[in-house]
Amino acid sequence: MGKQIPLAEILRPKNAAEYIGQPHLMAANTAFRKMVDGGSVHSMIFWGPPGVGKTTLALVIANATGRQFYTLSAINSGVKDVREVIDRAGKDASQPILFIDEIHRFSKSQQDSLLGAVEKGIVILIGATTENPSFEVISPLLSRCQVYVLRHLEESDLLIITNNAIETLSGINNIKISILEHEALIRISGGDARKLINAIEIIVSSLQASGKEIAIDNENTLSIIQQNLALYDKSGEMHYDVISAFIKSMRGSDPNAAVYWLARMITAGEDPLFIARRMVILASEDIGNANPTALVLANNCFDAVNKIGFPESRIILSQTAIYLACSAKSNASYMAIDDAMAMVQRLGDLPVPLHLRNAPTKLMKYIGYGKEYKYAHQYDGNFVDIEFLPENIKGTKFFDPGKNARENEAREKLRKNWGLKYGY
């Protein structure tokens, strides 16, 4: 009996017409689609969440262009593996594609080993990453690649994938399969196509012995997935569920849960910098000015982990996670910038008030640039009551201090300075 091919691999699209999702890239008239169809491709990096089609898109490009396709995983490939592939590619006049999954896990030396081949055109590099390549890919390599952002799959995309999976499994097993309810499946997938397909495969396998027909609903979906959680996670697909639990435990001020989920990630071999980076984000997003030291500590944690590595850095990660969990919480800065950006999107670029404009020339001074501006340091308390917002939105409050000791101080000072203007 031959090795069983995973359903996700059977369903993997082979060409652009079969590809599901990412319409901003793959719709018929987009520049990216025309590039793929025309066969003139360049080195690129796909950045997006797991299971949205990064690997598949690389394979579609290879098939569309008729190029040899080499693939390496950054988890288990070293500089030696990279050089071997480049040596083989150098003997191929077709300019093969080298696909590197999770390229953010490549060290600087591993990424350096790619530079010459990419620069000379020996290979077309396609990297896939769930992390921001600006932080994780070295600048010389990044400058030679175009970055394309892949988005979470829409529910309509996931339903197409679900129907394809059911139709294929019905044929393979010679059994009628129907979807009575799909909400639990969609929720479990989290927008990850591979996770969705694996869940369907597990559910069908579990229900197959019950009769000649299989009906999938929310109840049996949740029950079966819960029972098969260990199997479901055997390839690390709950990676993002665990980091989510870790973040939410710190946000919820539970150091015990935070350390547990941290231990889960460490035991599973998670990249310590991935964990540290998430804590830097949380320190600003969920703690902010309720305790400004949190961001300092989290940033120092990232630097220390980068220098030290495992196993010692587990202690630094633990110290920081516990500190963040025990800290006062505020998302006021996070809400303020999101509200301000939403207003910019809605109202566009409102004019800067004349008195706030720079006036480097006599003409600018003549027409009123900088006129009536008052320098705060020349006034008591380093404060003067002038308007700093555009006329259309004056009095708008973006920053609403949290209810904690530090931000209560900020609220009192703002109320003293601005009176009733902002409602502090």
Protein backbone atom coordinates (compact mmCIF):
# COMPACT_ATOMS: atom_id res chain seq x y z
CA MET A 1 0.00 0.00 0.00
CA GLY A 2 1.46 3.34 -1.06
CA LYS A 3 1.81 6.39 1.14
CA GLN A 4 -1.46 8.29 1.44
CA ILE A 5 -1.32 11.78 -0.01
CA PRO A 6 -2.72 14.44 2.36
CA LEU A 7 -5.98 15.98 1.18
CA ALA A 8 -4.44 19.46 1.32
CA GLU A 9 -1.86 18.34 -1.24
CA ILE A 10 -4.49 16.76 -3.50
CA LEU A 11 -6.52 19.98 -3.47
CA ARG A 12 -3.56 22.30 -4.03
CA PRO A 13 -4.27 24.43 -7.15
CA LYS A 14 -1.92 23.86 -10.07
CA ASN A 15 -2.58 27.02 -12.09
CA ALA A 16 -3.80 30.61 -11.75
CA ALA A 17 -7.37 29.74 -12.79
CA GLU A 18 -7.67 27.26 -9.90
CA TYR A 19 -6.08 29.57 -7.32
CA ILE A 20 -8.45 30.69 -4.55
CA GLY A 21 -8.23 34.05 -2.78
CA GLN A 22 -5.88 37.06 -2.99
CA PRO A 23 -7.88 38.92 -5.68
CA HIS A 24 -5.68 42.01 -5.24
CA LEU A 25 -2.89 39.89 -6.76
CA MET A 26 -4.60 37.20 -8.80
CA ALA A 27 -7.67 38.84 -10.35
CA ALA A 28 -7.51 38.72 -14.16
CA ASN A 29 -6.45 42.31 -14.82
CA THR A 30 -3.98 42.89 -11.96
CA ALA A 31 -0.34 43.63 -12.72
CA PHE A 32 0.76 40.60 -10.69
CA ARG A 33 -1.51 38.21 -12.61
CA LYS A 34 -0.31 39.62 -15.93
CA MET A 35 3.28 39.10 -14.76
CA VAL A 36 2.55 35.46 -13.87
CA ASP A 37 0.68 34.78 -17.12
CA GLY A 38 3.42 36.48 -19.12
CA GLY A 39 6.14 34.38 -17.52
CA SER A 40 8.40 37.33 -16.71
CA VAL A 41 8.89 37.00 -12.94
CA HIS A 42 11.41 38.39 -10.49
CA SER A 43 12.60 37.53 -6.99
CA MET A 44 9.89 38.19 -4.43
CA ILE A 45 8.75 37.62 -0.87
CA PHE A 46 5.21 36.65 0.10
CA TRP A 47 4.25 38.01 3.52
CA GLY A 48 1.02 36.85 5.11
CA PRO A 49 -0.64 34.67 7.76
CA PRO A 50 -0.44 30.86 7.60
CA GLY A 51 -2.59 28.89 5.19
CA VAL A 52 -3.47 31.71 2.79
CA GLY A 53 -1.69 30.30 -0.27
CA LYS A 54 1.94 31.47 -0.19
CA THR A 55 3.47 28.09 -1.12
CA THR A 56 0.70 27.40 -3.61
CA LEU A 57 1.25 30.73 -5.33
CA ALA A 58 4.95 29.95 -5.72
CA LEU A 59 4.06 26.60 -7.33
CA VAL A 60 1.51 28.29 -9.62
CA ILE A 61 4.23 30.69 -10.78
CA ALA A 62 6.63 27.80 -11.41
CA ASN A 63 3.99 25.92 -13.43
CA ALA A 64 2.97 29.02 -15.38
CA THR A 65 6.55 29.84 -16.33
CA GLY A 66 7.72 26.26 -16.89
CA ARG A 67 10.66 26.72 -14.54
CA GLN A 68 12.36 24.09 -12.41
CA PHE A 69 11.17 24.43 -8.80
CA TYR A 70 13.50 23.91 -5.84
CA THR A 71 12.19 24.21 -2.31
CA LEU A 72 13.88 24.54 1.07
CA SER A 73 12.41 24.97 4.54
CA ALA A 74 14.24 27.44 6.74
CA ILE A 75 13.48 25.22 9.75
CA ASN A 76 15.67 22.31 8.65
CA SER A 77 17.98 23.73 5.96
CA GLY A 78 21.43 25.20 6.45
CA VAL A 79 23.96 27.12 4.38
CA LYS A 80 25.23 23.81 2.93
CA ASP A 81 21.73 22.96 1.64
CA VAL A 82 21.37 26.41 0.08
CA ARG A 83 24.71 26.12 -1.71
CA GLU A 84 23.89 22.65 -3.03
CA VAL A 85 20.63 23.90 -4.54
CA ILE A 86 22.35 26.95 -6.03
CA ASP A 87 25.05 24.70 -7.57
CA ARG A 88 22.35 22.55 -9.21
CA ALA A 89 20.40 25.61 -10.32
CA GLY A 90 23.52 27.11 -11.89
CA LYS A 91 23.59 24.21 -14.38
CA ASP A 92 20.01 24.93 -15.47
CA ALA A 93 19.67 27.58 -18.19
CA SER A 94 15.96 28.11 -17.42
CA GLN A 95 16.69 30.21 -14.29
CA PRO A 96 14.93 27.97 -11.73
CA ILE A 97 12.77 29.16 -8.87
CA LEU A 98 14.11 28.62 -5.35
CA PHE A 99 11.27 28.68 -2.84
CA ILE A 100 12.19 29.12 0.81
CA ASP A 101 9.40 28.59 3.31
CA GLU A 102 9.58 30.55 6.58
CA ILE A 103 12.51 32.59 5.28
CA HIS A 104 12.32 34.73 8.44
CA ARG A 105 13.88 31.77 10.30
CA PHE A 106 17.04 31.91 8.17
CA SER A 107 20.02 33.37 10.01
CA LYS A 108 22.00 36.29 8.57
CA SER A 109 24.68 33.92 7.25
CA GLN A 110 22.06 31.74 5.57
CA GLN A 111 20.46 34.78 3.96
CA ASP A 112 23.91 36.04 2.93
CA SER A 113 24.49 32.76 1.10
CA LEU A 114 21.53 33.56 -1.18
CA LEU A 115 22.68 37.03 -2.18
CA GLY A 116 25.10 36.18 -4.97
CA ALA A 117 22.73 33.74 -6.70
CA VAL A 118 19.85 36.22 -6.58
CA GLU A 119 22.01 39.14 -7.72
CA LYS A 120 23.49 37.17 -10.66
CA GLY A 121 20.12 35.76 -11.65
CA ILE A 122 21.13 32.13 -11.08
CA VAL A 123 17.81 31.62 -9.30
CA ILE A 124 14.58 33.50 -8.87
CA LEU A 125 14.04 33.57 -5.13
CA ILE A 126 10.54 33.30 -3.71
CA GLY A 127 10.45 33.51 0.07
CA ALA A 128 7.41 32.99 2.27
CA THR A 129 7.09 34.52 5.72
CA THR A 130 4.49 35.15 8.39
CA GLU A 131 6.71 37.86 9.87
CA ASN A 132 7.34 41.40 8.67
CA PRO A 133 10.23 41.01 6.19
CA SER A 134 11.44 44.53 7.01
CA PHE A 135 12.59 43.14 10.37
CA GLU A 136 13.44 39.56 9.42
CA VAL A 137 15.14 39.74 6.01
CA ILE A 138 18.55 41.37 5.64
CA SER A 139 18.50 44.67 3.73
CA PRO A 140 20.70 43.60 0.76
CA LEU A 141 18.41 40.62 0.08
CA LEU A 142 15.22 42.57 0.72
CA SER A 143 16.29 45.27 -1.75
CA ARG A 144 16.53 42.63 -4.47
CA CYS A 145 13.03 41.28 -3.85
CA GLN A 146 9.56 42.69 -4.32
CA VAL A 147 7.38 42.14 -1.25
CA TYR A 148 3.77 41.07 -1.84
CA VAL A 149 1.31 40.99 1.06
CA LEU A 150 -1.16 38.09 1.16
CA ARG A 151 -4.34 38.60 3.17
CA HIS A 152 -6.56 36.36 5.28
CA LEU A 153 -8.94 34.30 3.15
CA GLU A 154 -12.53 35.54 3.00
CA GLU A 155 -15.41 33.32 4.13
CA SER A 156 -16.44 32.90 0.49
CA ASP A 157 -12.94 31.54 -0.28
CA LEU A 158 -13.13 29.12 2.64
CA LEU A 159 -16.54 27.87 1.50
CA ILE A 160 -15.16 27.13 -1.97
CA ILE A 161 -12.30 25.19 -0.38
CA THR A 162 -14.79 23.36 1.87
CA ASN A 163 -16.93 22.32 -1.09
CA ASN A 164 -13.86 21.17 -3.03
CA ALA A 165 -12.71 19.10 -0.06
CA ILE A 166 -16.12 17.49 0.41
CA GLU A 167 -16.46 16.67 -3.29
CA THR A 168 -12.99 15.12 -3.39
CA LEU A 169 -13.48 13.08 -0.21
CA SER A 170 -16.88 11.88 -1.45
CA GLY A 171 -15.20 10.50 -4.57
CA ILE A 172 -12.23 8.97 -2.72
CA ASN A 173 -14.41 7.24 -0.12
CA ASN A 174 -17.39 6.54 -2.39
CA ILE A 175 -19.74 8.05 0.18
CA LYS A 176 -22.20 10.91 0.24
CA ILE A 177 -21.00 13.82 2.37
CA SER A 178 -23.05 16.92 3.06
CA ILE A 179 -22.42 20.12 5.01
CA LEU A 180 -25.46 21.03 7.11
CA GLU A 181 -23.67 23.84 8.96
CA HIS A 182 -20.31 25.40 8.21
CA GLU A 183 -19.90 28.07 10.91
CA ALA A 184 -17.80 25.91 13.28
CA LEU A 185 -15.54 24.78 10.45
CA ILE A 186 -14.91 28.36 9.37
CA ARG A 187 -14.27 29.47 12.94
CA ILE A 188 -11.84 26.61 13.61
CA SER A 189 -9.92 27.36 10.43
CA GLY A 190 -9.14 30.92 11.49
CA GLY A 191 -8.81 31.79 7.80
CA ASP A 192 -6.18 29.07 7.29
CA ALA A 193 -7.01 26.86 4.29
CA ARG A 194 -4.70 24.03 5.36
CA LYS A 195 -6.20 23.99 8.84
CA LEU A 196 -9.70 23.89 7.32
CA ILE A 197 -8.89 20.99 4.98
CA ASN A 198 -7.22 18.98 7.74
CA ALA A 199 -10.22 19.53 10.00
CA ILE A 200 -12.60 18.30 7.29
CA GLU A 201 -10.41 15.23 6.69
CA ILE A 202 -10.41 14.37 10.41
CA ILE A 203 -14.19 14.87 10.73
CA VAL A 204 -14.99 12.70 7.69
CA SER A 205 -12.60 9.99 8.91
CA SER A 206 -14.27 10.00 12.35
CA LEU A 207 -17.82 9.86 10.98
CA GLN A 208 -17.18 7.38 8.19
CA ALA A 209 -17.89 4.28 10.27
CA SER A 210 -21.34 5.54 11.23
CA GLY A 211 -23.06 4.76 7.89
CA LYS A 212 -23.18 5.35 4.16
CA GLU A 213 -23.87 9.07 4.49
CA ILE A 214 -22.03 11.74 6.44
CA ALA A 215 -23.64 14.99 7.54
CA ILE A 216 -21.32 17.62 9.03
CA ASP A 217 -22.80 20.17 11.41
CA ASN A 218 -21.47 22.56 14.06
CA GLU A 219 -21.99 20.10 16.92
CA ASN A 220 -20.10 17.14 15.50
CA THR A 221 -17.41 19.46 14.11
CA LEU A 222 -16.61 20.91 17.54
CA SER A 223 -16.87 17.54 19.28
CA ILE A 224 -14.57 15.69 16.87
CA ILE A 225 -11.95 18.43 16.62
CA GLN A 226 -11.78 18.67 20.41
CA GLN A 227 -11.25 14.90 20.68
CA ASN A 228 -8.54 14.96 18.02
CA LEU A 229 -6.76 18.09 19.18
CA ALA A 230 -3.36 16.42 19.54
CA LEU A 231 -3.60 14.89 16.06
CA TYR A 232 -4.87 18.16 14.67
CA ASP A 233 -1.81 19.95 16.01
CA LYS A 234 0.80 17.37 15.06
CA SER A 235 2.30 19.64 12.39
CA GLY A 236 2.33 22.73 14.58
CA GLU A 237 -0.83 24.24 13.15
CA MET A 238 -1.90 25.53 16.59
CA HIS A 239 1.20 27.73 16.65
CA TYR A 240 -0.96 30.84 16.32
CA ASP A 241 -3.54 29.59 18.81
CA VAL A 242 -0.86 29.19 21.48
CA ILE A 243 0.71 32.61 20.87
CA SER A 244 -2.82 34.05 21.02
CA ALA A 245 -3.40 32.39 24.40
CA PHE A 246 -0.03 33.72 25.62
CA ILE A 247 -0.84 37.29 24.60
CA LYS A 248 -4.36 37.16 26.04
CA SER A 249 -3.05 35.78 29.33
CA MET A 250 -0.66 38.72 29.72
CA ARG A 251 -3.36 41.16 28.63
CA GLY A 252 -5.67 39.55 31.20
CA SER A 253 -3.07 40.00 33.98
CA ASP A 254 -2.58 36.25 34.64
CA PRO A 255 1.16 35.54 35.05
CA ASN A 256 0.54 31.85 35.75
CA ALA A 257 -1.25 31.26 32.46
CA ALA A 258 1.31 33.43 30.63
CA VAL A 259 4.20 31.29 31.89
CA TYR A 260 2.34 28.08 31.00
CA TRP A 261 1.77 29.15 27.40
CA LEU A 262 5.36 30.40 27.26
CA ALA A 263 6.54 26.96 28.37
CA ARG A 264 4.39 25.37 25.66
CA MET A 265 6.08 27.48 23.01
CA ILE A 266 9.59 26.92 24.35
CA THR A 267 9.04 23.16 24.56
CA ALA A 268 7.74 23.13 20.97
CA GLY A 269 10.92 24.85 19.76
CA GLU A 270 9.37 28.23 18.99
CA ASP A 271 11.70 30.98 17.81
CA PRO A 272 12.51 33.01 20.98
CA LEU A 273 12.65 36.23 18.96
CA PHE A 274 9.09 35.62 17.75
CA ILE A 275 7.96 35.42 21.39
CA ALA A 276 9.99 38.47 22.42
CA ARG A 277 8.69 40.51 19.48
CA ARG A 278 5.10 39.78 20.48
CA MET A 279 5.82 41.01 24.00
CA VAL A 280 7.24 44.29 22.66
CA ILE A 281 3.98 44.83 20.77
CA LEU A 282 1.87 43.97 23.82
CA ALA A 283 3.89 46.33 26.03
CA SER A 284 2.76 49.25 23.88
CA GLU A 285 -0.66 48.03 22.75
CA ASP A 286 -2.00 46.79 26.09
CA ILE A 287 0.10 48.59 28.73
CA GLY A 288 1.25 51.78 27.09
CA ASN A 289 1.54 54.81 29.35
CA ALA A 290 -0.05 53.01 32.29
CA ASN A 291 3.52 51.78 32.79
CA PRO A 292 6.01 53.14 30.22
CA THR A 293 8.76 50.96 31.71
CA ALA A 294 7.03 47.90 30.24
CA LEU A 295 8.06 48.85 26.71
CA VAL A 296 11.64 49.49 27.86
CA LEU A 297 11.82 46.06 29.53
CA ALA A 298 10.20 44.26 26.59
CA ASN A 299 12.58 45.91 24.13
CA ASN A 300 15.57 45.01 26.32
CA CYS A 301 14.21 41.46 26.49
CA PHE A 302 14.22 41.27 22.68
CA ASP A 303 17.83 42.52 22.53
CA ALA A 304 18.99 40.13 25.28
CA VAL A 305 17.29 37.11 23.71
CA ASN A 306 18.87 38.02 20.37
CA LYS A 307 22.32 37.98 22.00
CA ILE A 308 21.92 34.92 24.20
CA GLY A 309 19.52 32.40 22.62
CA PHE A 310 18.18 29.24 24.21
CA PRO A 311 18.28 27.73 26.78
CA GLU A 312 19.25 30.71 28.96
CA SER A 313 16.88 33.15 27.29
CA ARG A 314 13.89 31.19 28.63
CA ILE A 315 14.56 32.95 31.96
CA ILE A 316 14.56 36.39 30.36
CA LEU A 317 11.35 35.61 28.48
CA SER A 318 9.74 34.37 31.70
CA GLN A 319 10.79 37.46 33.67
CA THR A 320 9.38 39.77 31.01
CA ALA A 321 6.13 37.82 30.55
CA ILE A 322 5.48 37.89 34.30
CA TYR A 323 6.27 41.62 34.51
CA LEU A 324 3.91 42.42 31.63
CA ALA A 325 1.15 40.25 33.06
CA CYS A 326 1.43 41.94 36.46
CA SER A 327 1.59 45.47 35.04
CA ALA A 328 -1.23 48.03 34.97
CA LYS A 329 -3.01 47.94 31.61
CA SER A 330 -4.10 50.60 29.12
CA ASN A 331 -4.86 50.49 25.40
CA ALA A 332 -5.37 54.27 25.21
CA SER A 333 -2.40 54.88 22.87
CA TYR A 334 -3.49 52.02 20.60
CA MET A 335 -7.06 53.35 20.41
CA ALA A 336 -5.86 56.93 19.90
CA ILE A 337 -3.77 56.19 16.81
CA ASP A 338 -6.43 53.93 15.29
CA ASP A 339 -9.11 56.59 15.80
CA ALA A 340 -6.86 59.28 14.35
CA MET A 341 -6.00 57.13 11.30
CA ALA A 342 -9.69 56.36 10.77
CA MET A 343 -10.40 60.10 10.72
CA VAL A 344 -7.57 60.69 8.23
CA GLN A 345 -9.05 57.98 5.99
CA ARG A 346 -12.50 59.55 6.28
CA LEU A 347 -11.63 63.24 5.91
CA GLY A 348 -8.42 63.13 3.89
CA ASP A 349 -5.54 65.58 4.28
CA LEU A 350 -7.01 68.54 6.12
CA PRO A 351 -4.98 71.76 5.81
CA VAL A 352 -2.44 72.59 8.50
CA PRO A 353 -3.51 75.76 10.37
CA LEU A 354 -1.47 78.76 9.17
CA HIS A 355 -0.04 79.52 12.58
CA LEU A 356 1.50 75.99 12.76
CA ARG A 357 3.15 76.11 9.35
CA ASN A 358 6.87 76.60 8.89
CA ALA A 359 7.83 79.92 7.28
CA PRO A 360 11.35 79.65 5.80
CA THR A 361 10.77 82.42 3.21
CA LYS A 362 9.61 86.06 3.39
CA LEU A 363 6.64 85.29 1.13
CA MET A 364 5.43 82.56 3.46
CA LYS A 365 5.70 84.94 6.42
CA TYR A 366 3.84 87.60 4.44
CA ILE A 367 0.87 85.35 3.70
CA GLY A 368 0.56 84.32 7.32
CA TYR A 369 2.64 81.17 7.77
CA GLY A 370 3.63 80.91 11.42
CA LYS A 371 1.76 84.08 12.39
CA GLU A 372 0.29 84.06 15.91
CA TYR A 373 2.15 80.87 16.84
CA LYS A 374 3.11 81.00 20.53
CA TYR A 375 6.20 79.20 21.81
CA ALA A 376 5.07 77.13 24.80
CA HIS A 377 8.36 77.44 26.70
CA GLN A 378 7.86 81.18 27.04
CA TYR A 379 4.72 80.68 29.15
CA ASP A 380 4.05 79.51 32.70
CA GLY A 381 3.98 75.75 33.01
CA ASN A 382 5.33 75.47 29.43
CA PHE A 383 1.78 75.63 28.16
CA VAL A 384 -0.21 78.05 26.00
CA ASP A 385 -3.78 77.60 24.81
CA ILE A 386 -3.70 77.70 21.01
CA GLU A 387 -5.33 75.45 18.41
CA PHE A 388 -3.19 72.57 17.14
CA LEU A 389 -5.81 70.67 15.10
CA PRO A 390 -7.28 71.58 11.69
CA GLU A 391 -10.35 73.83 11.90
CA ASN A 392 -12.76 71.06 10.78
CA ILE A 393 -11.91 68.76 13.67
CA LYS A 394 -10.91 71.11 16.49
CA GLY A 395 -11.88 69.80 19.90
CA THR A 396 -11.71 66.16 18.75
CA LYS A 397 -10.43 63.84 21.49
CA PHE A 398 -8.38 60.88 20.25
CA PHE A 399 -6.51 60.12 23.47
CA ASP A 400 -8.71 58.98 26.34
CA PRO A 401 -6.44 58.14 29.31
CA GLY A 402 -6.97 54.78 30.99
CA LYS A 403 -8.06 54.44 34.59
CA ASN A 404 -4.71 53.83 36.23
CA ALA A 405 -2.35 55.88 38.40
CA ARG A 406 -0.07 57.20 35.68
CA GLU A 407 -2.77 58.04 33.17
CA ASN A 408 -4.96 59.57 35.87
CA GLU A 409 -2.10 62.03 36.41
CA ALA A 410 -2.06 62.72 32.67
CA ARG A 411 -5.85 63.24 32.69
CA GLU A 412 -5.62 65.77 35.53
CA LYS A 413 -2.88 67.70 33.77
CA LEU A 414 -4.81 67.73 30.48
CA ARG A 415 -7.96 68.88 32.29
CA LYS A 416 -6.01 71.67 33.99
CA ASN A 417 -4.47 72.82 30.71
CA TRP A 418 -7.42 72.47 28.33
CA GLY A 419 -10.40 72.95 30.63
CA LEU A 420 -13.58 71.66 28.94
CA LYS A 421 -12.21 71.69 25.41
CA TYR A 422 -11.49 67.94 25.14
CA GLY A 423 -13.79 66.72 27.87
CA TYR A 424 -11.06 65.49 30.21
